[in-house]
N, C-alpha and C. Protein backbone atom coordinates (compact mmCIF):
# COMPACT_ATOMS: atom_id res chain seq x y z
N MET A 1 7.41 -19.71 -14.28
CA MET A 1 7.73 -18.28 -14.17
C MET A 1 8.49 -18.03 -12.87
N ASP A 2 9.72 -17.46 -12.98
CA ASP A 2 10.48 -17.19 -11.77
C ASP A 2 9.96 -15.92 -11.09
N GLN A 3 10.54 -15.59 -9.92
CA GLN A 3 10.03 -14.47 -9.13
C GLN A 3 10.14 -13.14 -9.87
N ALA A 4 11.26 -12.93 -10.55
CA ALA A 4 11.44 -11.67 -11.29
C ALA A 4 10.40 -11.51 -12.38
N ASP A 5 10.13 -12.60 -13.12
CA ASP A 5 9.12 -12.54 -14.18
C ASP A 5 7.72 -12.34 -13.59
N PHE A 6 7.47 -12.95 -12.43
CA PHE A 6 6.17 -12.81 -11.77
C PHE A 6 5.93 -11.36 -11.37
N VAL A 7 6.95 -10.72 -10.78
CA VAL A 7 6.83 -9.31 -10.38
C VAL A 7 6.62 -8.43 -11.60
N ARG A 8 7.38 -8.68 -12.66
CA ARG A 8 7.26 -7.88 -13.88
C ARG A 8 5.86 -8.05 -14.48
N ASP A 9 5.35 -9.26 -14.48
CA ASP A 9 4.01 -9.51 -15.01
C ASP A 9 2.96 -8.79 -14.20
N THR A 10 3.12 -8.78 -12.87
CA THR A 10 2.16 -8.10 -11.99
C THR A 10 2.11 -6.61 -12.29
N VAL A 11 3.29 -6.00 -12.40
CA VAL A 11 3.37 -4.55 -12.66
C VAL A 11 2.76 -4.24 -14.03
N GLU A 12 3.03 -5.07 -15.03
CA GLU A 12 2.48 -4.83 -16.36
C GLU A 12 0.96 -4.98 -16.37
N ARG A 13 0.44 -5.96 -15.65
CA ARG A 13 -1.01 -6.13 -15.57
C ARG A 13 -1.66 -4.92 -14.91
N ALA A 14 -0.99 -4.35 -13.92
CA ALA A 14 -1.54 -3.19 -13.21
C ALA A 14 -1.69 -1.98 -14.12
N ARG A 15 -0.95 -1.94 -15.21
CA ARG A 15 -1.00 -0.77 -16.10
C ARG A 15 -2.35 -0.61 -16.78
N ALA A 16 -3.16 -1.65 -16.74
CA ALA A 16 -4.52 -1.54 -17.28
C ALA A 16 -5.34 -0.53 -16.49
N ALA A 17 -4.92 -0.21 -15.26
CA ALA A 17 -5.67 0.72 -14.41
C ALA A 17 -5.22 2.16 -14.55
N VAL A 18 -4.22 2.43 -15.39
CA VAL A 18 -3.80 3.82 -15.60
C VAL A 18 -4.92 4.57 -16.32
N PRO A 19 -5.38 5.70 -15.77
CA PRO A 19 -6.49 6.43 -16.40
C PRO A 19 -6.13 6.88 -17.81
N ALA A 20 -7.12 6.85 -18.69
CA ALA A 20 -6.91 7.29 -20.07
C ALA A 20 -6.45 8.74 -20.11
N GLY A 21 -5.48 9.02 -20.95
CA GLY A 21 -5.00 10.38 -21.11
C GLY A 21 -3.88 10.76 -20.15
N GLU A 22 -3.55 9.89 -19.18
CA GLU A 22 -2.48 10.18 -18.25
C GLU A 22 -1.20 9.45 -18.66
N VAL A 23 -0.07 10.06 -18.36
CA VAL A 23 1.23 9.50 -18.73
C VAL A 23 1.83 8.81 -17.51
N LEU A 24 2.11 7.52 -17.64
CA LEU A 24 2.72 6.77 -16.55
C LEU A 24 4.20 7.09 -16.48
N ARG A 25 4.64 7.57 -15.32
CA ARG A 25 6.04 7.94 -15.14
C ARG A 25 6.84 6.89 -14.38
N ALA A 26 6.19 6.18 -13.48
CA ALA A 26 6.88 5.12 -12.73
C ALA A 26 5.84 4.20 -12.11
N ASP A 27 6.21 2.92 -11.96
CA ASP A 27 5.35 1.97 -11.25
C ASP A 27 6.22 0.89 -10.64
N HIS A 28 5.76 0.38 -9.50
CA HIS A 28 6.56 -0.63 -8.81
C HIS A 28 5.71 -1.30 -7.73
N GLY A 29 6.05 -2.53 -7.40
CA GLY A 29 5.39 -3.22 -6.31
C GLY A 29 5.68 -2.52 -4.99
N LEU A 30 4.67 -2.44 -4.14
CA LEU A 30 4.79 -1.63 -2.93
C LEU A 30 4.09 -2.30 -1.76
N GLY A 31 4.63 -2.07 -0.56
CA GLY A 31 4.00 -2.54 0.67
C GLY A 31 4.39 -1.62 1.81
N LEU A 32 3.80 -1.82 2.96
CA LEU A 32 4.22 -1.06 4.14
C LEU A 32 5.61 -1.51 4.55
N ALA A 33 6.43 -0.58 5.02
CA ALA A 33 7.72 -0.95 5.60
C ALA A 33 7.48 -1.78 6.86
N VAL A 34 8.37 -2.71 7.13
CA VAL A 34 8.21 -3.58 8.29
C VAL A 34 8.10 -2.77 9.57
N ARG A 35 8.83 -1.68 9.65
CA ARG A 35 8.85 -0.89 10.88
C ARG A 35 7.66 0.05 11.02
N ALA A 36 6.82 0.14 10.00
CA ALA A 36 5.67 1.05 10.05
C ALA A 36 4.51 0.43 10.79
N PRO A 37 3.70 1.23 11.50
CA PRO A 37 2.51 0.70 12.16
C PRO A 37 1.49 0.23 11.13
N SER A 38 0.74 -0.80 11.45
CA SER A 38 -0.24 -1.35 10.52
C SER A 38 -1.65 -1.00 10.98
N PRO A 39 -2.53 -0.58 10.06
CA PRO A 39 -3.90 -0.24 10.45
C PRO A 39 -4.69 -1.46 10.89
N GLY A 40 -5.68 -1.25 11.75
CA GLY A 40 -6.55 -2.32 12.19
C GLY A 40 -7.34 -2.94 11.05
N TYR A 41 -7.86 -4.11 11.29
CA TYR A 41 -8.53 -4.89 10.24
C TYR A 41 -9.63 -4.11 9.55
N PHE A 42 -10.49 -3.44 10.31
CA PHE A 42 -11.64 -2.75 9.71
C PHE A 42 -11.27 -1.41 9.08
N ARG A 43 -10.04 -0.97 9.25
CA ARG A 43 -9.58 0.23 8.56
C ARG A 43 -9.07 -0.09 7.16
N ARG A 44 -8.86 -1.36 6.89
CA ARG A 44 -8.28 -1.76 5.61
C ARG A 44 -9.37 -1.86 4.54
N PRO A 45 -9.12 -1.38 3.34
CA PRO A 45 -10.16 -1.41 2.30
C PRO A 45 -10.43 -2.82 1.80
N ARG A 46 -11.67 -3.10 1.48
CA ARG A 46 -12.04 -4.36 0.84
C ARG A 46 -11.87 -4.18 -0.66
N VAL A 47 -11.11 -5.05 -1.28
CA VAL A 47 -10.78 -4.88 -2.70
C VAL A 47 -11.03 -6.19 -3.45
N LEU A 48 -11.01 -6.08 -4.78
CA LEU A 48 -11.17 -7.23 -5.67
C LEU A 48 -12.42 -8.03 -5.34
N LEU A 49 -13.52 -7.32 -5.15
CA LEU A 49 -14.76 -7.99 -4.76
C LEU A 49 -15.31 -8.88 -5.86
N SER A 50 -14.89 -8.66 -7.10
CA SER A 50 -15.36 -9.49 -8.21
C SER A 50 -14.55 -10.77 -8.34
N GLU A 51 -13.51 -10.92 -7.55
CA GLU A 51 -12.62 -12.08 -7.66
C GLU A 51 -13.32 -13.34 -7.15
N ARG A 52 -13.12 -14.44 -7.85
CA ARG A 52 -13.67 -15.72 -7.40
C ARG A 52 -12.85 -16.22 -6.22
N ARG A 53 -13.49 -16.81 -5.26
CA ARG A 53 -12.80 -17.35 -4.10
C ARG A 53 -12.26 -18.74 -4.43
N ALA A 54 -10.95 -18.91 -4.23
CA ALA A 54 -10.32 -20.20 -4.50
C ALA A 54 -10.67 -21.19 -3.39
N LEU A 55 -10.33 -22.47 -3.61
CA LEU A 55 -10.65 -23.50 -2.64
C LEU A 55 -10.07 -23.18 -1.28
N GLY A 56 -8.82 -22.70 -1.26
CA GLY A 56 -8.21 -22.36 0.03
C GLY A 56 -8.98 -21.27 0.74
N GLY A 57 -9.54 -20.32 -0.06
CA GLY A 57 -10.32 -19.26 0.54
C GLY A 57 -11.59 -19.78 1.20
N TRP A 58 -12.26 -20.75 0.52
CA TRP A 58 -13.47 -21.34 1.10
C TRP A 58 -13.15 -22.08 2.40
N LEU A 59 -12.04 -22.78 2.43
CA LEU A 59 -11.66 -23.52 3.63
C LEU A 59 -11.35 -22.59 4.80
N LEU A 60 -10.88 -21.39 4.47
CA LEU A 60 -10.53 -20.44 5.52
C LEU A 60 -11.68 -19.55 5.94
N MET A 61 -12.82 -19.64 5.26
CA MET A 61 -13.95 -18.76 5.56
C MET A 61 -14.38 -18.79 7.02
N PRO A 62 -14.51 -20.00 7.67
CA PRO A 62 -14.91 -19.99 9.08
C PRO A 62 -13.95 -19.20 9.96
N PHE A 63 -12.67 -19.29 9.66
CA PHE A 63 -11.68 -18.55 10.44
C PHE A 63 -11.80 -17.05 10.18
N ALA A 64 -12.13 -16.69 8.94
CA ALA A 64 -12.30 -15.28 8.60
C ALA A 64 -13.47 -14.68 9.37
N TRP A 65 -14.60 -15.41 9.41
CA TRP A 65 -15.77 -14.91 10.14
C TRP A 65 -15.48 -14.83 11.64
N LEU A 66 -14.74 -15.79 12.15
CA LEU A 66 -14.35 -15.74 13.56
C LEU A 66 -13.49 -14.52 13.84
N LEU A 67 -12.56 -14.24 12.93
CA LEU A 67 -11.70 -13.07 13.08
C LEU A 67 -12.52 -11.78 13.08
N ARG A 68 -13.50 -11.69 12.17
CA ARG A 68 -14.34 -10.49 12.10
C ARG A 68 -15.16 -10.32 13.38
N LEU A 69 -15.70 -11.42 13.88
CA LEU A 69 -16.48 -11.36 15.11
C LEU A 69 -15.60 -10.94 16.28
N LEU A 70 -14.42 -11.54 16.37
CA LEU A 70 -13.51 -11.22 17.46
C LEU A 70 -13.05 -9.77 17.39
N THR A 71 -12.75 -9.31 16.16
CA THR A 71 -12.30 -7.93 16.00
C THR A 71 -13.40 -6.95 16.37
N ALA A 72 -14.65 -7.27 15.96
CA ALA A 72 -15.77 -6.38 16.30
C ALA A 72 -15.98 -6.35 17.81
N THR A 73 -15.82 -7.52 18.46
CA THR A 73 -16.01 -7.59 19.91
C THR A 73 -14.93 -6.81 20.64
N LEU A 74 -13.74 -6.83 20.08
CA LEU A 74 -12.61 -6.18 20.74
C LEU A 74 -12.35 -4.78 20.22
N ASN A 75 -13.36 -4.20 19.57
CA ASN A 75 -13.16 -2.87 18.99
C ASN A 75 -12.66 -1.85 20.01
N PRO A 76 -13.18 -1.81 21.26
CA PRO A 76 -12.62 -0.87 22.25
C PRO A 76 -11.15 -1.11 22.51
N ILE A 77 -10.74 -2.40 22.48
CA ILE A 77 -9.33 -2.71 22.68
C ILE A 77 -8.52 -2.19 21.50
N GLU A 78 -9.10 -2.30 20.29
CA GLU A 78 -8.39 -1.80 19.12
C GLU A 78 -8.18 -0.28 19.24
N ARG A 79 -9.20 0.41 19.75
CA ARG A 79 -9.04 1.86 19.95
C ARG A 79 -7.92 2.15 20.94
N LEU A 80 -7.82 1.33 21.99
CA LEU A 80 -6.76 1.51 22.98
C LEU A 80 -5.39 1.28 22.35
N VAL A 81 -5.31 0.23 21.52
CA VAL A 81 -4.05 -0.04 20.83
C VAL A 81 -3.69 1.12 19.90
N GLU A 82 -4.70 1.66 19.22
CA GLU A 82 -4.47 2.78 18.32
C GLU A 82 -3.97 4.00 19.11
N ALA A 83 -4.50 4.20 20.31
CA ALA A 83 -4.05 5.31 21.14
C ALA A 83 -2.56 5.18 21.46
N PHE A 84 -2.13 3.95 21.78
CA PHE A 84 -0.71 3.72 22.03
C PHE A 84 0.10 3.94 20.76
N THR A 85 -0.48 3.54 19.60
CA THR A 85 0.21 3.75 18.33
C THR A 85 0.40 5.23 18.07
N GLU A 86 -0.64 6.03 18.35
CA GLU A 86 -0.53 7.47 18.17
C GLU A 86 0.57 8.03 19.06
N ARG A 87 0.67 7.49 20.28
CA ARG A 87 1.71 7.96 21.18
C ARG A 87 3.09 7.61 20.62
N GLU A 88 3.21 6.41 20.03
CA GLU A 88 4.48 6.00 19.46
C GLU A 88 4.87 6.88 18.28
N LYS A 89 3.86 7.31 17.50
CA LYS A 89 4.16 8.16 16.36
C LYS A 89 4.82 9.46 16.82
N LYS A 90 4.35 9.99 17.93
CA LYS A 90 4.91 11.23 18.44
C LYS A 90 6.33 11.03 18.96
N GLN A 91 6.70 9.78 19.23
CA GLN A 91 8.03 9.49 19.72
C GLN A 91 9.00 9.17 18.58
N GLY A 92 8.61 9.45 17.35
CA GLY A 92 9.51 9.31 16.24
C GLY A 92 9.38 8.02 15.45
N LYS A 93 8.28 7.30 15.61
CA LYS A 93 8.07 6.11 14.80
C LYS A 93 7.90 6.51 13.33
N PRO A 94 8.06 5.54 12.41
CA PRO A 94 8.07 5.87 10.97
C PRO A 94 6.68 6.13 10.38
N PHE A 95 5.94 7.03 10.97
CA PHE A 95 4.61 7.39 10.49
C PHE A 95 4.22 8.69 11.17
N ARG A 96 3.60 9.59 10.41
CA ARG A 96 3.10 10.83 11.01
C ARG A 96 1.73 11.14 10.42
N GLY A 97 0.77 11.46 11.28
CA GLY A 97 -0.58 11.75 10.82
C GLY A 97 -1.51 10.61 11.19
N GLY A 98 -2.78 10.90 11.36
CA GLY A 98 -3.76 9.87 11.70
C GLY A 98 -4.10 9.01 10.50
N TRP A 99 -4.93 8.01 10.73
CA TRP A 99 -5.30 7.10 9.66
C TRP A 99 -6.16 7.78 8.59
N ASN A 100 -6.72 8.95 8.89
CA ASN A 100 -7.51 9.67 7.89
C ASN A 100 -6.71 10.75 7.18
N SER A 101 -5.42 10.85 7.49
CA SER A 101 -4.55 11.76 6.74
C SER A 101 -4.21 11.14 5.40
N MET A 102 -3.53 11.89 4.54
CA MET A 102 -3.14 11.34 3.24
C MET A 102 -2.22 10.14 3.41
N ALA A 103 -1.24 10.27 4.30
CA ALA A 103 -0.34 9.14 4.55
C ALA A 103 -1.10 7.97 5.16
N GLY A 104 -2.08 8.27 6.01
CA GLY A 104 -2.88 7.22 6.61
C GLY A 104 -3.68 6.45 5.58
N HIS A 105 -4.25 7.17 4.61
CA HIS A 105 -4.99 6.51 3.54
C HIS A 105 -4.07 5.64 2.69
N LEU A 106 -2.85 6.14 2.43
CA LEU A 106 -1.90 5.33 1.69
C LEU A 106 -1.55 4.06 2.46
N ALA A 107 -1.25 4.22 3.75
CA ALA A 107 -0.88 3.06 4.58
C ALA A 107 -2.02 2.05 4.63
N ARG A 108 -3.24 2.53 4.79
CA ARG A 108 -4.40 1.61 4.85
C ARG A 108 -4.56 0.86 3.54
N GLY A 109 -4.32 1.56 2.43
CA GLY A 109 -4.48 0.94 1.13
C GLY A 109 -3.45 -0.12 0.82
N LEU A 110 -2.34 -0.12 1.54
CA LEU A 110 -1.27 -1.08 1.26
C LEU A 110 -1.49 -2.43 1.93
N VAL A 111 -2.49 -2.52 2.79
CA VAL A 111 -2.79 -3.79 3.46
C VAL A 111 -4.28 -4.10 3.30
N PRO A 112 -4.72 -4.36 2.06
CA PRO A 112 -6.15 -4.52 1.79
C PRO A 112 -6.70 -5.84 2.30
N ARG A 113 -8.04 -5.89 2.37
CA ARG A 113 -8.76 -7.14 2.65
C ARG A 113 -9.32 -7.67 1.34
N THR A 114 -9.25 -8.98 1.16
CA THR A 114 -9.82 -9.61 -0.04
C THR A 114 -10.69 -10.79 0.37
N LYS A 115 -11.57 -11.20 -0.54
CA LYS A 115 -12.37 -12.40 -0.31
C LYS A 115 -11.49 -13.63 -0.29
N ASN A 116 -10.44 -13.61 -1.10
CA ASN A 116 -9.60 -14.78 -1.26
C ASN A 116 -8.47 -14.75 -0.24
N LEU A 117 -8.71 -15.31 0.94
CA LEU A 117 -7.73 -15.26 2.01
C LEU A 117 -6.47 -16.05 1.68
N ALA A 118 -6.60 -17.04 0.81
CA ALA A 118 -5.44 -17.86 0.47
C ALA A 118 -4.50 -17.14 -0.49
N ASN A 119 -5.01 -16.11 -1.19
CA ASN A 119 -4.21 -15.39 -2.16
C ASN A 119 -4.46 -13.88 -2.04
N PRO A 120 -3.84 -13.22 -1.09
CA PRO A 120 -4.08 -11.78 -0.93
C PRO A 120 -3.63 -10.99 -2.15
N ALA A 121 -4.20 -9.81 -2.31
CA ALA A 121 -3.93 -8.98 -3.48
C ALA A 121 -2.48 -8.52 -3.51
N LEU A 122 -1.96 -8.40 -4.71
CA LEU A 122 -0.66 -7.79 -4.92
C LEU A 122 -0.89 -6.29 -5.12
N VAL A 123 -0.01 -5.47 -4.57
CA VAL A 123 -0.19 -4.02 -4.60
C VAL A 123 0.92 -3.38 -5.43
N VAL A 124 0.52 -2.50 -6.34
CA VAL A 124 1.45 -1.77 -7.19
C VAL A 124 1.18 -0.28 -7.03
N MET A 125 2.25 0.51 -6.89
CA MET A 125 2.12 1.97 -6.88
C MET A 125 2.41 2.51 -8.26
N GLN A 126 1.57 3.43 -8.71
CA GLN A 126 1.77 4.09 -9.99
C GLN A 126 1.86 5.60 -9.80
N VAL A 127 2.79 6.22 -10.49
CA VAL A 127 2.91 7.68 -10.50
C VAL A 127 2.73 8.13 -11.94
N THR A 128 1.69 8.91 -12.18
CA THR A 128 1.46 9.46 -13.52
C THR A 128 1.75 10.96 -13.49
N ASP A 129 1.51 11.61 -14.60
CA ASP A 129 1.72 13.06 -14.65
C ASP A 129 0.66 13.81 -13.86
N ARG A 130 -0.39 13.08 -13.36
CA ARG A 130 -1.46 13.75 -12.64
C ARG A 130 -1.71 13.20 -11.23
N ARG A 131 -1.33 11.96 -10.97
CA ARG A 131 -1.71 11.37 -9.69
C ARG A 131 -0.70 10.33 -9.21
N LEU A 132 -0.82 10.05 -7.92
CA LEU A 132 -0.22 8.86 -7.33
C LEU A 132 -1.38 7.95 -6.96
N GLN A 133 -1.30 6.69 -7.37
CA GLN A 133 -2.38 5.78 -7.03
C GLN A 133 -1.83 4.39 -6.76
N ILE A 134 -2.61 3.60 -6.02
CA ILE A 134 -2.26 2.22 -5.80
C ILE A 134 -3.26 1.34 -6.54
N VAL A 135 -2.76 0.22 -7.03
CA VAL A 135 -3.55 -0.69 -7.85
C VAL A 135 -3.43 -2.09 -7.26
N TYR A 136 -4.54 -2.80 -7.25
CA TYR A 136 -4.57 -4.17 -6.73
C TYR A 136 -4.66 -5.16 -7.89
N VAL A 137 -3.81 -6.16 -7.82
CA VAL A 137 -3.75 -7.18 -8.86
C VAL A 137 -4.03 -8.53 -8.22
N SER A 138 -5.00 -9.25 -8.77
CA SER A 138 -5.36 -10.55 -8.24
C SER A 138 -4.30 -11.60 -8.57
N ARG A 139 -4.02 -12.46 -7.61
CA ARG A 139 -3.13 -13.60 -7.86
C ARG A 139 -3.88 -14.77 -8.51
N VAL A 140 -5.20 -14.74 -8.38
CA VAL A 140 -6.02 -15.88 -8.78
C VAL A 140 -6.30 -15.86 -10.27
N ARG A 141 -6.38 -17.03 -10.88
CA ARG A 141 -6.78 -17.15 -12.27
C ARG A 141 -8.20 -17.72 -12.33
N THR A 142 -8.88 -17.41 -13.42
CA THR A 142 -10.24 -17.90 -13.61
C THR A 142 -10.20 -19.39 -13.97
N PHE A 143 -11.38 -20.00 -14.05
CA PHE A 143 -11.46 -21.41 -14.41
C PHE A 143 -10.92 -21.67 -15.81
N THR A 144 -10.92 -20.65 -16.66
CA THR A 144 -10.40 -20.80 -18.02
C THR A 144 -8.91 -20.49 -18.10
N GLY A 145 -8.30 -20.16 -16.95
CA GLY A 145 -6.86 -19.90 -16.93
C GLY A 145 -6.48 -18.45 -17.15
N GLN A 146 -7.48 -17.57 -17.30
CA GLN A 146 -7.20 -16.16 -17.51
C GLN A 146 -6.83 -15.48 -16.20
N PRO A 147 -6.01 -14.43 -16.25
CA PRO A 147 -5.65 -13.70 -15.02
C PRO A 147 -6.87 -13.10 -14.35
N GLY A 148 -6.81 -12.96 -13.02
CA GLY A 148 -7.90 -12.36 -12.26
C GLY A 148 -7.97 -10.86 -12.46
N PRO A 149 -8.86 -10.19 -11.73
CA PRO A 149 -9.11 -8.76 -11.95
C PRO A 149 -7.97 -7.86 -11.49
N VAL A 150 -7.98 -6.67 -12.05
CA VAL A 150 -7.09 -5.57 -11.66
C VAL A 150 -7.98 -4.41 -11.27
N GLU A 151 -7.66 -3.75 -10.15
CA GLU A 151 -8.56 -2.72 -9.62
C GLU A 151 -7.77 -1.54 -9.06
N ALA A 152 -8.14 -0.33 -9.48
CA ALA A 152 -7.51 0.87 -8.93
C ALA A 152 -8.02 1.12 -7.53
N GLY A 153 -7.12 1.53 -6.64
CA GLY A 153 -7.48 1.83 -5.26
C GLY A 153 -7.32 3.31 -4.96
N TRP A 154 -6.85 3.60 -3.75
CA TRP A 154 -6.70 4.99 -3.31
C TRP A 154 -5.78 5.75 -4.24
N ALA A 155 -6.13 7.00 -4.50
CA ALA A 155 -5.31 7.87 -5.35
C ALA A 155 -5.39 9.29 -4.84
N THR A 156 -4.39 10.08 -5.17
CA THR A 156 -4.39 11.50 -4.83
C THR A 156 -3.68 12.27 -5.93
N ASP A 157 -4.04 13.53 -6.08
CA ASP A 157 -3.39 14.41 -7.06
C ASP A 157 -1.89 14.44 -6.78
N ILE A 158 -1.09 14.36 -7.82
CA ILE A 158 0.36 14.32 -7.64
C ILE A 158 0.86 15.58 -6.93
N ARG A 159 0.09 16.66 -7.01
CA ARG A 159 0.50 17.90 -6.33
C ARG A 159 0.38 17.78 -4.81
N ASN A 160 -0.32 16.75 -4.34
CA ASN A 160 -0.42 16.52 -2.90
C ASN A 160 0.78 15.78 -2.33
N VAL A 161 1.62 15.25 -3.22
CA VAL A 161 2.82 14.53 -2.78
C VAL A 161 3.95 15.55 -2.66
N ALA A 162 4.44 15.75 -1.43
CA ALA A 162 5.41 16.81 -1.18
C ALA A 162 6.86 16.35 -1.35
N TRP A 163 7.16 15.11 -0.96
CA TRP A 163 8.55 14.64 -1.00
C TRP A 163 8.62 13.13 -0.82
N ILE A 164 9.78 12.57 -1.16
CA ILE A 164 10.07 11.16 -0.89
C ILE A 164 11.48 11.09 -0.32
N ARG A 165 11.67 10.26 0.69
CA ARG A 165 12.95 10.19 1.40
C ARG A 165 13.46 8.75 1.36
N ASP A 166 14.63 8.58 0.79
CA ASP A 166 15.24 7.25 0.65
C ASP A 166 15.77 6.79 2.00
N ARG A 167 15.32 5.63 2.47
CA ARG A 167 15.78 5.09 3.74
C ARG A 167 16.50 3.75 3.55
N ARG A 168 17.35 3.70 2.53
CA ARG A 168 18.12 2.48 2.31
C ARG A 168 19.12 2.26 3.45
N ASP A 169 19.31 3.30 4.29
CA ASP A 169 20.18 3.13 5.46
C ASP A 169 19.54 2.17 6.47
N VAL A 170 18.21 2.03 6.40
CA VAL A 170 17.47 1.11 7.27
C VAL A 170 17.33 -0.24 6.58
N VAL A 171 16.65 -0.23 5.43
CA VAL A 171 16.45 -1.42 4.61
C VAL A 171 16.43 -0.98 3.15
N GLY A 172 17.12 -1.70 2.29
CA GLY A 172 17.08 -1.37 0.88
C GLY A 172 15.66 -1.45 0.34
N GLY A 173 15.19 -0.37 -0.29
CA GLY A 173 13.82 -0.31 -0.80
C GLY A 173 12.88 0.47 0.09
N ASP A 174 13.26 0.72 1.35
CA ASP A 174 12.42 1.52 2.24
C ASP A 174 12.48 3.00 1.85
N HIS A 175 11.32 3.63 1.82
CA HIS A 175 11.22 5.06 1.56
C HIS A 175 10.14 5.65 2.45
N GLU A 176 10.25 6.93 2.73
CA GLU A 176 9.19 7.67 3.40
C GLU A 176 8.57 8.61 2.38
N ILE A 177 7.24 8.61 2.28
CA ILE A 177 6.53 9.48 1.34
C ILE A 177 5.75 10.50 2.14
N GLY A 178 5.99 11.79 1.85
CA GLY A 178 5.35 12.87 2.58
C GLY A 178 4.34 13.62 1.73
N PHE A 179 3.32 14.17 2.40
CA PHE A 179 2.23 14.85 1.72
C PHE A 179 2.08 16.28 2.22
N VAL A 180 1.30 17.06 1.47
CA VAL A 180 1.17 18.48 1.77
C VAL A 180 0.43 18.74 3.08
N ASP A 181 -0.28 17.75 3.61
CA ASP A 181 -0.96 17.94 4.89
C ASP A 181 -0.02 17.69 6.07
N GLY A 182 1.26 17.43 5.78
CA GLY A 182 2.24 17.21 6.84
C GLY A 182 2.38 15.76 7.27
N SER A 183 1.55 14.88 6.73
CA SER A 183 1.63 13.47 7.09
C SER A 183 2.66 12.76 6.21
N TRP A 184 3.17 11.64 6.71
CA TRP A 184 4.07 10.80 5.93
C TRP A 184 4.08 9.39 6.49
N CYS A 185 4.42 8.43 5.64
CA CYS A 185 4.51 7.06 6.11
C CYS A 185 5.66 6.35 5.42
N SER A 186 6.10 5.24 6.02
CA SER A 186 7.22 4.46 5.51
C SER A 186 6.68 3.30 4.68
N VAL A 187 7.20 3.17 3.46
CA VAL A 187 6.78 2.10 2.55
C VAL A 187 8.01 1.31 2.11
N HIS A 188 7.75 0.19 1.46
CA HIS A 188 8.86 -0.62 0.97
C HIS A 188 8.60 -1.00 -0.48
N PHE A 189 9.52 -0.61 -1.37
CA PHE A 189 9.46 -1.02 -2.77
C PHE A 189 10.09 -2.41 -2.86
N SER A 190 9.30 -3.39 -3.29
CA SER A 190 9.76 -4.77 -3.31
C SER A 190 10.41 -5.13 -4.64
N GLY A 191 11.30 -6.11 -4.60
CA GLY A 191 11.94 -6.58 -5.81
C GLY A 191 13.03 -5.67 -6.31
N LYS A 192 13.48 -5.91 -7.54
CA LYS A 192 14.57 -5.14 -8.12
C LYS A 192 14.05 -3.91 -8.85
N GLY A 193 14.96 -2.96 -9.10
CA GLY A 193 14.63 -1.79 -9.90
C GLY A 193 13.99 -0.64 -9.16
N TRP A 194 13.99 -0.69 -7.82
CA TRP A 194 13.31 0.37 -7.06
C TRP A 194 14.11 1.66 -6.99
N SER A 195 15.41 1.61 -7.28
CA SER A 195 16.25 2.78 -7.05
C SER A 195 15.87 3.97 -7.93
N GLY A 196 15.24 3.73 -9.08
CA GLY A 196 14.88 4.84 -9.95
C GLY A 196 13.48 5.37 -9.76
N VAL A 197 12.67 4.72 -8.91
CA VAL A 197 11.28 5.13 -8.74
C VAL A 197 11.18 6.54 -8.17
N SER A 198 12.04 6.86 -7.23
CA SER A 198 11.94 8.17 -6.55
C SER A 198 12.26 9.34 -7.48
N ASP A 199 12.87 9.06 -8.64
CA ASP A 199 13.25 10.15 -9.55
C ASP A 199 12.06 10.93 -10.07
N VAL A 200 10.86 10.34 -10.05
CA VAL A 200 9.70 11.02 -10.61
C VAL A 200 8.98 11.88 -9.56
N PHE A 201 9.43 11.85 -8.32
CA PHE A 201 8.79 12.64 -7.28
C PHE A 201 9.35 14.07 -7.29
N PRO A 202 8.55 15.04 -6.83
CA PRO A 202 8.97 16.45 -6.93
C PRO A 202 10.18 16.79 -6.08
N VAL A 203 10.27 16.25 -4.88
CA VAL A 203 11.40 16.52 -3.99
C VAL A 203 11.94 15.19 -3.49
N ARG A 204 13.24 14.96 -3.72
CA ARG A 204 13.87 13.70 -3.30
C ARG A 204 14.89 13.99 -2.21
N LEU A 205 14.78 13.24 -1.12
CA LEU A 205 15.64 13.45 0.04
C LEU A 205 16.41 12.18 0.35
N SER A 206 17.57 12.33 0.94
CA SER A 206 18.32 11.18 1.43
C SER A 206 18.05 11.02 2.92
N HIS A 207 18.56 9.93 3.49
CA HIS A 207 18.34 9.71 4.93
C HIS A 207 19.06 10.75 5.77
N LEU A 208 20.01 11.47 5.18
CA LEU A 208 20.74 12.51 5.91
C LEU A 208 19.94 13.82 5.99
N ASP A 209 18.93 13.94 5.13
CA ASP A 209 18.10 15.15 5.15
C ASP A 209 17.00 15.00 6.19
N PRO A 210 16.68 16.06 6.92
CA PRO A 210 15.60 15.98 7.90
C PRO A 210 14.24 15.90 7.21
N VAL A 211 13.27 15.33 7.92
CA VAL A 211 11.90 15.30 7.41
C VAL A 211 11.37 16.73 7.36
N PRO A 212 10.90 17.21 6.22
CA PRO A 212 10.37 18.57 6.12
C PRO A 212 9.14 18.77 7.00
N HIS A 213 9.02 19.94 7.56
CA HIS A 213 7.83 20.29 8.33
C HIS A 213 6.93 21.17 7.48
N PRO A 214 5.61 20.98 7.54
CA PRO A 214 4.71 21.80 6.72
C PRO A 214 4.82 23.27 7.09
N ALA A 215 4.64 24.12 6.09
CA ALA A 215 4.73 25.56 6.34
C ALA A 215 3.60 26.04 7.22
C-alpha cells in the first residue's frame, strides 16, 4: 500500500466514528502546524487505551516511564515554559487562547498520548452537519491481522466554529481555525485533497484577511 492509499484507508476507517444520524461533510488527516506551540506532555489526551502494545512499544516502556517521572519532576519548569509560550502568543504567534479554550482543546487533541509508543495514533478531523470532531485511528493490527481500534476524541458543536483561514502563503495545507470564544490555532491538513476541506466551514478567509476579533 503506497502513502496515498494508506492516507485514504485511514480516513475511511475513521468514518466509523461519525455519530449516527449526522451527515459527514468533510474529513481529512490533521496535525498541528509546525509553527504552532505544542502542549506539554500531561496536557495531551490519552487515547486508544484498548490498543495492544506492539513489541516496539514494550521495548520503549522504560523510556516512557522515565519521561513521565522527569516531566512530573519538572512540572514547575513546564509551567515556566508555558508562561513564556503565553507571552509569545501575545506577540503574534500562531495560537490565541489558553490550553482550556476551544482552540486549546483542539491543539491538545492533535498530539495525543498512546500506549503504543512505536506507533502513535493517526488523527483525522471530521466536519458533520452538527459538529467538528477529531478521531484517532490505530496504526497497529491485531494478531489476526485486523485493523486496530478507531476512537472519537474532542468534539464541539459546529456552531462554535467561527471561521477558517487558509495559510498556504506559509505552508501548503496550513490553516487557522477560529472559535466563538475568540481562540484560534494553526493546524496542518496532511496529504493531498486538502484544498476543498475549508469549503464546509461557515466563514472562509484568505491569508490577506485579518483574523476576526470576537464581538
